[in-house]
Amino acid sequence: MSGERNPGKPLEGRVLADTDLVTLTDLCRSCMVKTETITLLVDEGILDPVGDNVERWRFSVGSLRRVKTAVHLQRDLGVNLAGAALALDLLDRIAELERL
């Protein structure tokens, strides 16, 4: 897959391009969450993986920020997943408007 990082290299210490894709394992490790958490975020529409099944899922670099923000909203602020999805959509919209 174009943009996919070298599977033998750890993510730590690497500068990732916007076009890079990371594995489910790398995403979990980088965000310090379990696979189940990522699956819930996908089910809620917070993440949109590439790949036809969980074993083949790849995530954009932007997914790292989305996971960390969703986890922060849940753990630290007590926001449920639906609320986290709404907050992330609003943050994305604000960023889009600021670019105009």
PDB file of N, CA and C in Angstrom:
ATOM      1  N   MET A   1       0.830  -1.176   0.000  1.00  0.00           N
ATOM      2  CA  MET A   1       0.000   0.000   0.000  1.00  0.00           C
ATOM      3  C   MET A   1       0.878   1.243   0.000  1.00  0.00           C
ATOM      4  N   SER A   2       0.646   2.157  -0.864  1.00  0.00           N
ATOM      5  CA  SER A   2       1.428   3.388  -0.928  1.00  0.00           C
ATOM      6  C   SER A   2       1.216   4.196   0.339  1.00  0.00           C
ATOM      7  N   GLY A   3       2.300   4.707   0.888  1.00  0.00           N
ATOM      8  CA  GLY A   3       2.196   5.505   2.098  1.00  0.00           C
ATOM      9  C   GLY A   3       2.236   4.699   3.374  1.00  0.00           C
ATOM     10  N   GLU A   4       2.128   3.382   3.269  1.00  0.00           N
ATOM     11  CA  GLU A   4       2.148   2.567   4.486  1.00  0.00           C
ATOM     12  C   GLU A   4       3.571   2.496   4.997  1.00  0.00           C
ATOM     13  N   ARG A   5       3.708   2.644   6.295  1.00  0.00           N
ATOM     14  CA  ARG A   5       5.037   2.622   6.894  1.00  0.00           C
ATOM     15  C   ARG A   5       5.630   1.235   6.779  1.00  0.00           C
ATOM     16  N   ASN A   6       6.930   1.151   6.915  1.00  0.00           N
ATOM     17  CA  ASN A   6       7.639  -0.115   6.877  1.00  0.00           C
ATOM     18  C   ASN A   6       7.238  -0.926   8.109  1.00  0.00           C
ATOM     19  N   PRO A   7       6.587  -2.100   7.935  1.00  0.00           N
ATOM     20  CA  PRO A   7       6.088  -2.867   9.083  1.00  0.00           C
ATOM     21  C   PRO A   7       7.153  -3.285  10.076  1.00  0.00           C
ATOM     22  N   GLY A   8       8.413  -3.348   9.668  1.00  0.00           N
ATOM     23  CA  GLY A   8       9.456  -3.768  10.577  1.00  0.00           C
ATOM     24  C   GLY A   8       9.968  -2.649  11.469  1.00  0.00           C
ATOM     25  N   LYS A   9       9.640  -1.403  11.150  1.00  0.00           N
ATOM     26  CA  LYS A   9      10.148  -0.257  11.902  1.00  0.00           C
ATOM     27  C   LYS A   9       9.110   0.244  12.899  1.00  0.00           C
ATOM     28  N   PRO A  10       9.521   0.565  14.105  1.00  0.00           N
ATOM     29  CA  PRO A  10       8.568   1.126  15.065  1.00  0.00           C
ATOM     30  C   PRO A  10       8.205   2.556  14.679  1.00  0.00           C
ATOM     31  N   LEU A  11       7.027   3.001  15.105  1.00  0.00           N
ATOM     32  CA  LEU A  11       6.577   4.368  14.828  1.00  0.00           C
ATOM     33  C   LEU A  11       7.360   5.386  15.639  1.00  0.00           C
ATOM     34  N   GLU A  12       7.752   5.003  16.834  1.00  0.00           N
ATOM     35  CA  GLU A  12       8.427   5.918  17.740  1.00  0.00           C
ATOM     36  C   GLU A  12       9.637   6.559  17.073  1.00  0.00           C
ATOM     37  N   GLY A  13       9.738   7.869  17.179  1.00  0.00           N
ATOM     38  CA  GLY A  13      10.894   8.579  16.662  1.00  0.00           C
ATOM     39  C   GLY A  13      10.843   8.855  15.168  1.00  0.00           C
ATOM     40  N   ARG A  14       9.774   8.458  14.493  1.00  0.00           N
ATOM     41  CA  ARG A  14       9.640   8.698  13.058  1.00  0.00           C
ATOM     42  C   ARG A  14       8.792   9.927  12.810  1.00  0.00           C
ATOM     43  N   VAL A  15       9.134  10.654  11.779  1.00  0.00           N
ATOM     44  CA  VAL A  15       8.294  11.756  11.317  1.00  0.00           C
ATOM     45  C   VAL A  15       7.382  11.172  10.249  1.00  0.00           C
ATOM     46  N   LEU A  16       6.079  11.290  10.477  1.00  0.00           N
ATOM     47  CA  LEU A  16       5.119  10.706   9.551  1.00  0.00           C
ATOM     48  C   LEU A  16       4.564  11.775   8.617  1.00  0.00           C
ATOM     49  N   ALA A  17       4.430  11.416   7.367  1.00  0.00           N
ATOM     50  CA  ALA A  17       3.814  12.303   6.379  1.00  0.00           C
ATOM     51  C   ALA A  17       2.301  12.142   6.463  1.00  0.00           C
ATOM     52  N   ASP A  18       1.582  13.151   5.973  1.00  0.00           N
ATOM     53  CA  ASP A  18       0.115  13.084   5.980  1.00  0.00           C
ATOM     54  C   ASP A  18      -0.410  11.892   5.198  1.00  0.00           C
ATOM     55  N   THR A  19       0.366  11.414   4.239  1.00  0.00           N
ATOM     56  CA  THR A  19      -0.076  10.304   3.404  1.00  0.00           C
ATOM     57  C   THR A  19       0.261   8.935   3.983  1.00  0.00           C
ATOM     58  N   ASP A  20       1.028   8.895   5.064  1.00  0.00           N
ATOM     59  CA  ASP A  20       1.380   7.612   5.683  1.00  0.00           C
ATOM     60  C   ASP A  20       0.148   6.962   6.293  1.00  0.00           C
ATOM     61  N   LEU A  21       0.136   5.645   6.255  1.00  0.00           N
ATOM     62  CA  LEU A  21      -0.904   4.864   6.909  1.00  0.00           C
ATOM     63  C   LEU A  21      -0.252   4.026   8.002  1.00  0.00           C
ATOM     64  N   VAL A  22      -0.953   3.880   9.116  1.00  0.00           N
ATOM     65  CA  VAL A  22      -0.428   3.086  10.231  1.00  0.00           C
ATOM     66  C   VAL A  22      -1.362   1.918  10.491  1.00  0.00           C
ATOM     67  N   THR A  23      -0.798   0.852  11.035  1.00  0.00           N
ATOM     68  CA  THR A  23      -1.585  -0.341  11.337  1.00  0.00           C
ATOM     69  C   THR A  23      -2.401  -0.131  12.617  1.00  0.00           C
ATOM     70  N   LEU A  24      -3.338  -1.020  12.823  1.00  0.00           N
ATOM     71  CA  LEU A  24      -4.130  -1.014  14.052  1.00  0.00           C
ATOM     72  C   LEU A  24      -3.223  -1.165  15.265  1.00  0.00           C
ATOM     73  N   THR A  25      -2.256  -2.063  15.180  1.00  0.00           N
ATOM     74  CA  THR A  25      -1.315  -2.280  16.280  1.00  0.00           C
ATOM     75  C   THR A  25      -0.537  -1.009  16.593  1.00  0.00           C
ATOM     76  N   ASP A  26      -0.030  -0.350  15.550  1.00  0.00           N
ATOM     77  CA  ASP A  26       0.722   0.892  15.745  1.00  0.00           C
ATOM     78  C   ASP A  26      -0.149   1.986  16.344  1.00  0.00           C
ATOM     79  N   LEU A  27      -1.384   2.079  15.875  1.00  0.00           N
ATOM     80  CA  LEU A  27      -2.305   3.093  16.394  1.00  0.00           C
ATOM     81  C   LEU A  27      -2.579   2.847  17.879  1.00  0.00           C
ATOM     82  N   CYS A  28      -2.847   1.598  18.231  1.00  0.00           N
ATOM     83  CA  CYS A  28      -3.098   1.247  19.638  1.00  0.00           C
ATOM     84  C   CYS A  28      -1.877   1.556  20.501  1.00  0.00           C
ATOM     85  N   ARG A  29      -0.721   1.171  20.038  1.00  0.00           N
ATOM     86  CA  ARG A  29       0.515   1.377  20.794  1.00  0.00           C
ATOM     87  C   ARG A  29       0.795   2.881  20.960  1.00  0.00           C
ATOM     88  N   SER A  30       0.665   3.627  19.884  1.00  0.00           N
ATOM     89  CA  SER A  30       0.971   5.059  19.926  1.00  0.00           C
ATOM     90  C   SER A  30       0.007   5.841  20.815  1.00  0.00           C
ATOM     91  N   CYS A  31      -1.252   5.402  20.834  1.00  0.00           N
ATOM     92  CA  CYS A  31      -2.270   6.115  21.621  1.00  0.00           C
ATOM     93  C   CYS A  31      -2.512   5.469  22.979  1.00  0.00           C
ATOM     94  N   MET A  32      -1.817   4.363  23.241  1.00  0.00           N
ATOM     95  CA  MET A  32      -1.952   3.632  24.504  1.00  0.00           C
ATOM     96  C   MET A  32      -3.401   3.234  24.789  1.00  0.00           C
ATOM     97  N   VAL A  33      -4.033   2.608  23.784  1.00  0.00           N
ATOM     98  CA  VAL A  33      -5.397   2.110  23.925  1.00  0.00           C
ATOM     99  C   VAL A  33      -5.451   0.671  23.435  1.00  0.00           C
ATOM    100  N   LYS A  34      -6.520  -0.011  23.786  1.00  0.00           N
ATOM    101  CA  LYS A  34      -6.724  -1.393  23.352  1.00  0.00           C
ATOM    102  C   LYS A  34      -7.434  -1.415  21.999  1.00  0.00           C
ATOM    103  N   THR A  35      -7.324  -2.544  21.333  1.00  0.00           N
ATOM    104  CA  THR A  35      -7.988  -2.741  20.040  1.00  0.00           C
ATOM    105  C   THR A  35      -9.487  -2.478  20.148  1.00  0.00           C
ATOM    106  N   GLU A  36     -10.078  -2.886  21.252  1.00  0.00           N
ATOM    107  CA  GLU A  36     -11.520  -2.697  21.455  1.00  0.00           C
ATOM    108  C   GLU A  36     -11.897  -1.212  21.416  1.00  0.00           C
ATOM    109  N   THR A  37     -11.024  -0.367  21.939  1.00  0.00           N
ATOM    110  CA  THR A  37     -11.282   1.074  21.925  1.00  0.00           C
ATOM    111  C   THR A  37     -11.328   1.584  20.491  1.00  0.00           C
ATOM    112  N   ILE A  38     -10.374   1.153  19.680  1.00  0.00           N
ATOM    113  CA  ILE A  38     -10.336   1.583  18.275  1.00  0.00           C
ATOM    114  C   ILE A  38     -11.575   1.078  17.546  1.00  0.00           C
ATOM    115  N   THR A  39     -11.963  -0.166  17.816  1.00  0.00           N
ATOM    116  CA  THR A  39     -13.159  -0.731  17.185  1.00  0.00           C
ATOM    117  C   THR A  39     -14.396   0.090  17.535  1.00  0.00           C
ATOM    118  N   LEU A  40     -14.510   0.496  18.784  1.00  0.00           N
ATOM    119  CA  LEU A  40     -15.640   1.344  19.187  1.00  0.00           C
ATOM    120  C   LEU A  40     -15.611   2.692  18.467  1.00  0.00           C
ATOM    121  N   LEU A  41     -14.425   3.266  18.307  1.00  0.00           N
ATOM    122  CA  LEU A  41     -14.304   4.546  17.614  1.00  0.00           C
ATOM    123  C   LEU A  41     -14.667   4.404  16.139  1.00  0.00           C
ATOM    124  N   VAL A  42     -14.325   3.278  15.544  1.00  0.00           N
ATOM    125  CA  VAL A  42     -14.715   3.017  14.154  1.00  0.00           C
ATOM    126  C   VAL A  42     -16.233   2.865  14.073  1.00  0.00           C
ATOM    127  N   ASP A  43     -16.813   2.089  14.989  1.00  0.00           N
ATOM    128  CA  ASP A  43     -18.263   1.875  15.004  1.00  0.00           C
ATOM    129  C   ASP A  43     -19.028   3.188  15.173  1.00  0.00           C
ATOM    130  N   GLU A  44     -18.465   4.115  15.933  1.00  0.00           N
ATOM    131  CA  GLU A  44     -19.114   5.405  16.195  1.00  0.00           C
ATOM    132  C   GLU A  44     -18.892   6.394  15.051  1.00  0.00           C
ATOM    133  N   GLY A  45     -18.028   6.035  14.101  1.00  0.00           N
ATOM    134  CA  GLY A  45     -17.762   6.920  12.971  1.00  0.00           C
ATOM    135  C   GLY A  45     -16.669   7.940  13.234  1.00  0.00           C
ATOM    136  N   ILE A  46     -15.969   7.795  14.353  1.00  0.00           N
ATOM    137  CA  ILE A  46     -14.889   8.719  14.702  1.00  0.00           C
ATOM    138  C   ILE A  46     -13.658   8.440  13.841  1.00  0.00           C
ATOM    139  N   LEU A  47     -13.441   7.174  13.516  1.00  0.00           N
ATOM    140  CA  LEU A  47     -12.322   6.770  12.655  1.00  0.00           C
ATOM    141  C   LEU A  47     -12.870   6.065  11.428  1.00  0.00           C
ATOM    142  N   ASP A  48     -12.160   6.227  10.325  1.00  0.00           N
ATOM    143  CA  ASP A  48     -12.554   5.600   9.069  1.00  0.00           C
ATOM    144  C   ASP A  48     -11.353   4.849   8.492  1.00  0.00           C
ATOM    145  N   PRO A  49     -11.204   3.578   8.876  1.00  0.00           N
ATOM    146  CA  PRO A  49     -10.021   2.835   8.421  1.00  0.00           C
ATOM    147  C   PRO A  49     -10.112   2.445   6.949  1.00  0.00           C
ATOM    148  N   VAL A  50      -8.941   2.207   6.375  1.00  0.00           N
ATOM    149  CA  VAL A  50      -8.833   1.636   5.043  1.00  0.00           C
ATOM    150  C   VAL A  50      -8.635   0.144   5.255  1.00  0.00           C
ATOM    151  N   GLY A  51      -9.294  -0.684   4.476  1.00  0.00           N
ATOM    152  CA  GLY A  51      -9.149  -2.133   4.615  1.00  0.00           C
ATOM    153  C   GLY A  51     -10.491  -2.788   4.837  1.00  0.00           C
ATOM    154  N   ASP A  52     -10.618  -4.014   4.352  1.00  0.00           N
ATOM    155  CA  ASP A  52     -11.910  -4.689   4.370  1.00  0.00           C
ATOM    156  C   ASP A  52     -12.189  -5.494   5.635  1.00  0.00           C
ATOM    157  N   ASN A  53     -11.202  -5.657   6.514  1.00  0.00           N
ATOM    158  CA  ASN A  53     -11.458  -6.323   7.798  1.00  0.00           C
ATOM    159  C   ASN A  53     -10.448  -5.822   8.827  1.00  0.00           C
ATOM    160  N   VAL A  54     -10.700  -6.116  10.072  1.00  0.00           N
ATOM    161  CA  VAL A  54      -9.889  -5.597  11.174  1.00  0.00           C
ATOM    162  C   VAL A  54      -8.403  -5.914  10.990  1.00  0.00           C
ATOM    163  N   GLU A  55      -8.089  -7.091  10.523  1.00  0.00           N
ATOM    164  CA  GLU A  55      -6.680  -7.478  10.347  1.00  0.00           C
ATOM    165  C   GLU A  55      -5.978  -6.623   9.291  1.00  0.00           C
ATOM    166  N   ARG A  56      -6.723  -6.080   8.359  1.00  0.00           N
ATOM    167  CA  ARG A  56      -6.143  -5.282   7.275  1.00  0.00           C
ATOM    168  C   ARG A  56      -6.333  -3.780   7.466  1.00  0.00           C
ATOM    169  N   TRP A  57      -6.960  -3.384   8.551  1.00  0.00           N
ATOM    170  CA  TRP A  57      -7.200  -1.963   8.770  1.00  0.00           C
ATOM    171  C   TRP A  57      -5.900  -1.173   8.781  1.00  0.00           C
ATOM    172  N   ARG A  58      -5.922  -0.027   8.117  1.00  0.00           N
ATOM    173  CA  ARG A  58      -4.848   0.958   8.145  1.00  0.00           C
ATOM    174  C   ARG A  58      -5.510   2.304   8.399  1.00  0.00           C
ATOM    175  N   PHE A  59      -4.804   3.155   9.108  1.00  0.00           N
ATOM    176  CA  PHE A  59      -5.363   4.441   9.521  1.00  0.00           C
ATOM    177  C   PHE A  59      -4.469   5.581   9.070  1.00  0.00           C
ATOM    178  N   SER A  60      -5.087   6.693   8.729  1.00  0.00           N
ATOM    179  CA  SER A  60      -4.325   7.879   8.354  1.00  0.00           C
ATOM    180  C   SER A  60      -3.615   8.431   9.580  1.00  0.00           C
ATOM    181  N   VAL A  61      -2.615   9.241   9.330  1.00  0.00           N
ATOM    182  CA  VAL A  61      -1.865   9.865  10.423  1.00  0.00           C
ATOM    183  C   VAL A  61      -2.798  10.730  11.284  1.00  0.00           C
ATOM    184  N   GLY A  62      -3.793  11.352  10.665  1.00  0.00           N
ATOM    185  CA  GLY A  62      -4.755  12.160  11.411  1.00  0.00           C
ATOM    186  C   GLY A  62      -5.539  11.368  12.441  1.00  0.00           C
ATOM    187  N   SER A  63      -5.598  10.055  12.264  1.00  0.00           N
ATOM    188  CA  SER A  63      -6.298   9.200  13.233  1.00  0.00           C
ATOM    189  C   SER A  63      -5.626   9.230  14.597  1.00  0.00           C
ATOM    190  N   LEU A  64      -4.318   9.421  14.619  1.00  0.00           N
ATOM    191  CA  LEU A  64      -3.600   9.500  15.902  1.00  0.00           C
ATOM    192  C   LEU A  64      -4.170  10.632  16.754  1.00  0.00           C
ATOM    193  N   ARG A  65      -4.339  11.801  16.150  1.00  0.00           N
ATOM    194  CA  ARG A  65      -4.890  12.956  16.874  1.00  0.00           C
ATOM    195  C   ARG A  65      -6.332  12.695  17.283  1.00  0.00           C
ATOM    196  N   ARG A  66      -7.121  12.116  16.381  1.00  0.00           N
ATOM    197  CA  ARG A  66      -8.536  11.864  16.680  1.00  0.00           C
ATOM    198  C   ARG A  66      -8.692  10.897  17.860  1.00  0.00           C
ATOM    199  N   VAL A  67      -7.880   9.845  17.882  1.00  0.00           N
ATOM    200  CA  VAL A  67      -7.961   8.887  18.993  1.00  0.00           C
ATOM    201  C   VAL A  67      -7.576   9.565  20.296  1.00  0.00           C
ATOM    202  N   LYS A  68      -6.471  10.287  20.289  1.00  0.00           N
ATOM    203  CA  LYS A  68      -6.014  10.943  21.521  1.00  0.00           C
ATOM    204  C   LYS A  68      -7.049  11.953  22.017  1.00  0.00           C
ATOM    205  N   THR A  69      -7.666  12.689  21.107  1.00  0.00           N
ATOM    206  CA  THR A  69      -8.687  13.662  21.504  1.00  0.00           C
ATOM    207  C   THR A  69      -9.930  12.956  22.047  1.00  0.00           C
ATOM    208  N   ALA A  70     -10.367  11.896  21.365  1.00  0.00           N
ATOM    209  CA  ALA A  70     -11.550  11.155  21.824  1.00  0.00           C
ATOM    210  C   ALA A  70     -11.313  10.542  23.200  1.00  0.00           C
ATOM    211  N   VAL A  71     -10.138   9.974  23.401  1.00  0.00           N
ATOM    212  CA  VAL A  71      -9.806   9.374  24.696  1.00  0.00           C
ATOM    213  C   VAL A  71      -9.768  10.449  25.784  1.00  0.00           C
ATOM    214  N   HIS A  72      -9.190  11.595  25.469  1.00  0.00           N
ATOM    215  CA  HIS A  72      -9.157  12.710  26.430  1.00  0.00           C
ATOM    216  C   HIS A  72     -10.578  13.154  26.787  1.00  0.00           C
ATOM    217  N   LEU A  73     -11.418  13.313  25.796  1.00  0.00           N
ATOM    218  CA  LEU A  73     -12.798  13.734  26.055  1.00  0.00           C
ATOM    219  C   LEU A  73     -13.526  12.730  26.944  1.00  0.00           C
ATOM    220  N   GLN A  74     -13.296  11.447  26.712  1.00  0.00           N
ATOM    221  CA  GLN A  74     -13.957  10.411  27.499  1.00  0.00           C
ATOM    222  C   GLN A  74     -13.388  10.303  28.912  1.00  0.00           C
ATOM    223  N   ARG A  75     -12.085  10.106  29.003  1.00  0.00           N
ATOM    224  CA  ARG A  75     -11.457   9.838  30.310  1.00  0.00           C
ATOM    225  C   ARG A  75     -11.429  11.062  31.211  1.00  0.00           C
ATOM    226  N   ASP A  76     -11.037  12.180  30.662  1.00  0.00           N
ATOM    227  CA  ASP A  76     -10.807  13.364  31.494  1.00  0.00           C
ATOM    228  C   ASP A  76     -12.038  14.248  31.656  1.00  0.00           C
ATOM    229  N   LEU A  77     -12.918  14.237  30.660  1.00  0.00           N
ATOM    230  CA  LEU A  77     -14.068  15.138  30.708  1.00  0.00           C
ATOM    231  C   LEU A  77     -15.397  14.408  30.842  1.00  0.00           C
ATOM    232  N   GLY A  78     -15.390  13.081  30.791  1.00  0.00           N
ATOM    233  CA  GLY A  78     -16.613  12.308  30.979  1.00  0.00           C
ATOM    234  C   GLY A  78     -17.581  12.368  29.814  1.00  0.00           C
ATOM    235  N   VAL A  79     -17.101  12.707  28.620  1.00  0.00           N
ATOM    236  CA  VAL A  79     -17.960  12.787  27.437  1.00  0.00           C
ATOM    237  C   VAL A  79     -18.152  11.377  26.881  1.00  0.00           C
ATOM    238  N   ASN A  80     -19.392  11.040  26.485  1.00  0.00           N
ATOM    239  CA  ASN A  80     -19.618   9.718  25.897  1.00  0.00           C
ATOM    240  C   ASN A  80     -19.149   9.703  24.441  1.00  0.00           C
ATOM    241  N   LEU A  81     -19.166   8.522  23.818  1.00  0.00           N
ATOM    242  CA  LEU A  81     -18.647   8.399  22.456  1.00  0.00           C
ATOM    243  C   LEU A  81     -19.402   9.262  21.451  1.00  0.00           C
ATOM    244  N   ALA A  82     -20.711   9.328  21.572  1.00  0.00           N
ATOM    245  CA  ALA A  82     -21.488  10.161  20.651  1.00  0.00           C
ATOM    246  C   ALA A  82     -21.104  11.628  20.809  1.00  0.00           C
ATOM    247  N   GLY A  83     -20.907  12.059  22.043  1.00  0.00           N
ATOM    248  CA  GLY A  83     -20.472  13.433  22.292  1.00  0.00           C
ATOM    249  C   GLY A  83     -19.070  13.689  21.774  1.00  0.00           C
ATOM    250  N   ALA A  84     -18.192  12.706  21.914  1.00  0.00           N
ATOM    251  CA  ALA A  84     -16.829  12.842  21.389  1.00  0.00           C
ATOM    252  C   ALA A  84     -16.853  12.946  19.873  1.00  0.00           C
ATOM    253  N   ALA A  85     -17.706  12.149  19.225  1.00  0.00           N
ATOM    254  CA  ALA A  85     -17.824  12.202  17.761  1.00  0.00           C
ATOM    255  C   ALA A  85     -18.300  13.585  17.322  1.00  0.00           C
ATOM    256  N   LEU A  86     -19.285  14.124  18.014  1.00  0.00           N
ATOM    257  CA  LEU A  86     -19.796  15.464  17.696  1.00  0.00           C
ATOM    258  C   LEU A  86     -18.711  16.519  17.908  1.00  0.00           C
ATOM    259  N   ALA A  87     -18.011  16.447  19.022  1.00  0.00           N
ATOM    260  CA  ALA A  87     -16.944  17.421  19.312  1.00  0.00           C
ATOM    261  C   ALA A  87     -15.848  17.363  18.253  1.00  0.00           C
ATOM    262  N   LEU A  88     -15.458  16.166  17.841  1.00  0.00           N
ATOM    263  CA  LEU A  88     -14.425  16.027  16.811  1.00  0.00           C
ATOM    264  C   LEU A  88     -14.896  16.577  15.472  1.00  0.00           C
ATOM    265  N   ASP A  89     -16.154  16.333  15.123  1.00  0.00           N
ATOM    266  CA  ASP A  89     -16.698  16.896  13.883  1.00  0.00           C
ATOM    267  C   ASP A  89     -16.688  18.420  13.927  1.00  0.00           C
ATOM    268  N   LEU A  90     -17.057  18.987  15.072  1.00  0.00           N
ATOM    269  CA  LEU A  90     -17.054  20.446  15.218  1.00  0.00           C
ATOM    270  C   LEU A  90     -15.635  21.003  15.156  1.00  0.00           C
ATOM    271  N   LEU A  91     -14.680  20.333  15.799  1.00  0.00           N
ATOM    272  CA  LEU A  91     -13.284  20.771  15.738  1.00  0.00           C
ATOM    273  C   LEU A  91     -12.757  20.713  14.302  1.00  0.00           C
ATOM    274  N   ASP A  92     -13.135  19.670  13.564  1.00  0.00           N
ATOM    275  CA  ASP A  92     -12.733  19.565  12.158  1.00  0.00           C
ATOM    276  C   ASP A  92     -13.332  20.706  11.340  1.00  0.00           C
ATOM    277  N   ARG A  93     -14.580  21.024  11.607  1.00  0.00           N
ATOM    278  CA  ARG A  93     -15.257  22.108  10.874  1.00  0.00           C
ATOM    279  C   ARG A  93     -14.605  23.454  11.179  1.00  0.00           C
ATOM    280  N   ILE A  94     -14.262  23.688  12.438  1.00  0.00           N
ATOM    281  CA  ILE A  94     -13.584  24.932  12.816  1.00  0.00           C
ATOM    282  C   ILE A  94     -12.253  25.043  12.094  1.00  0.00           C
ATOM    283  N   ALA A  95     -11.483  23.952  12.078  1.00  0.00           N
ATOM    284  CA  ALA A  95     -10.180  23.960  11.392  1.00  0.00           C
ATOM    285  C   ALA A  95     -10.364  24.234   9.902  1.00  0.00           C
ATOM    286  N   GLU A  96     -11.399  23.665   9.321  1.00  0.00           N
ATOM    287  CA  GLU A  96     -11.686  23.884   7.895  1.00  0.00           C
ATOM    288  C   GLU A  96     -12.026  25.358   7.628  1.00  0.00           C
ATOM    289  N   LEU A  97     -12.834  25.944   8.491  1.00  0.00           N
ATOM    290  CA  LEU A  97     -13.201  27.352   8.332  1.00  0.00           C
ATOM    291  C   LEU A  97     -12.007  28.275   8.528  1.00  0.00           C
ATOM    292  N   GLU A  98     -11.110  27.917   9.439  1.00  0.00           N
ATOM    293  CA  GLU A  98      -9.924  28.728   9.679  1.00  0.00           C
ATOM    294  C   GLU A  98      -8.964  28.715   8.487  1.00  0.00           C
ATOM    295  N   ARG A  99      -8.999  27.638   7.699  1.00  0.00           N
ATOM    296  CA  ARG A  99      -8.139  27.546   6.518  1.00  0.00           C
ATOM    297  C   ARG A  99      -8.628  28.425   5.382  1.00  0.00           C
ATOM    298  N   LEU A 100      -9.894  28.826   5.416  1.00  0.00           N
ATOM    299  CA  LEU A 100     -10.464  29.665   4.326  1.00  0.00           C
ATOM    300  C   LEU A 100      -9.969  31.085   4.376  1.00  0.00           C
TER     301      LEU A 100
END
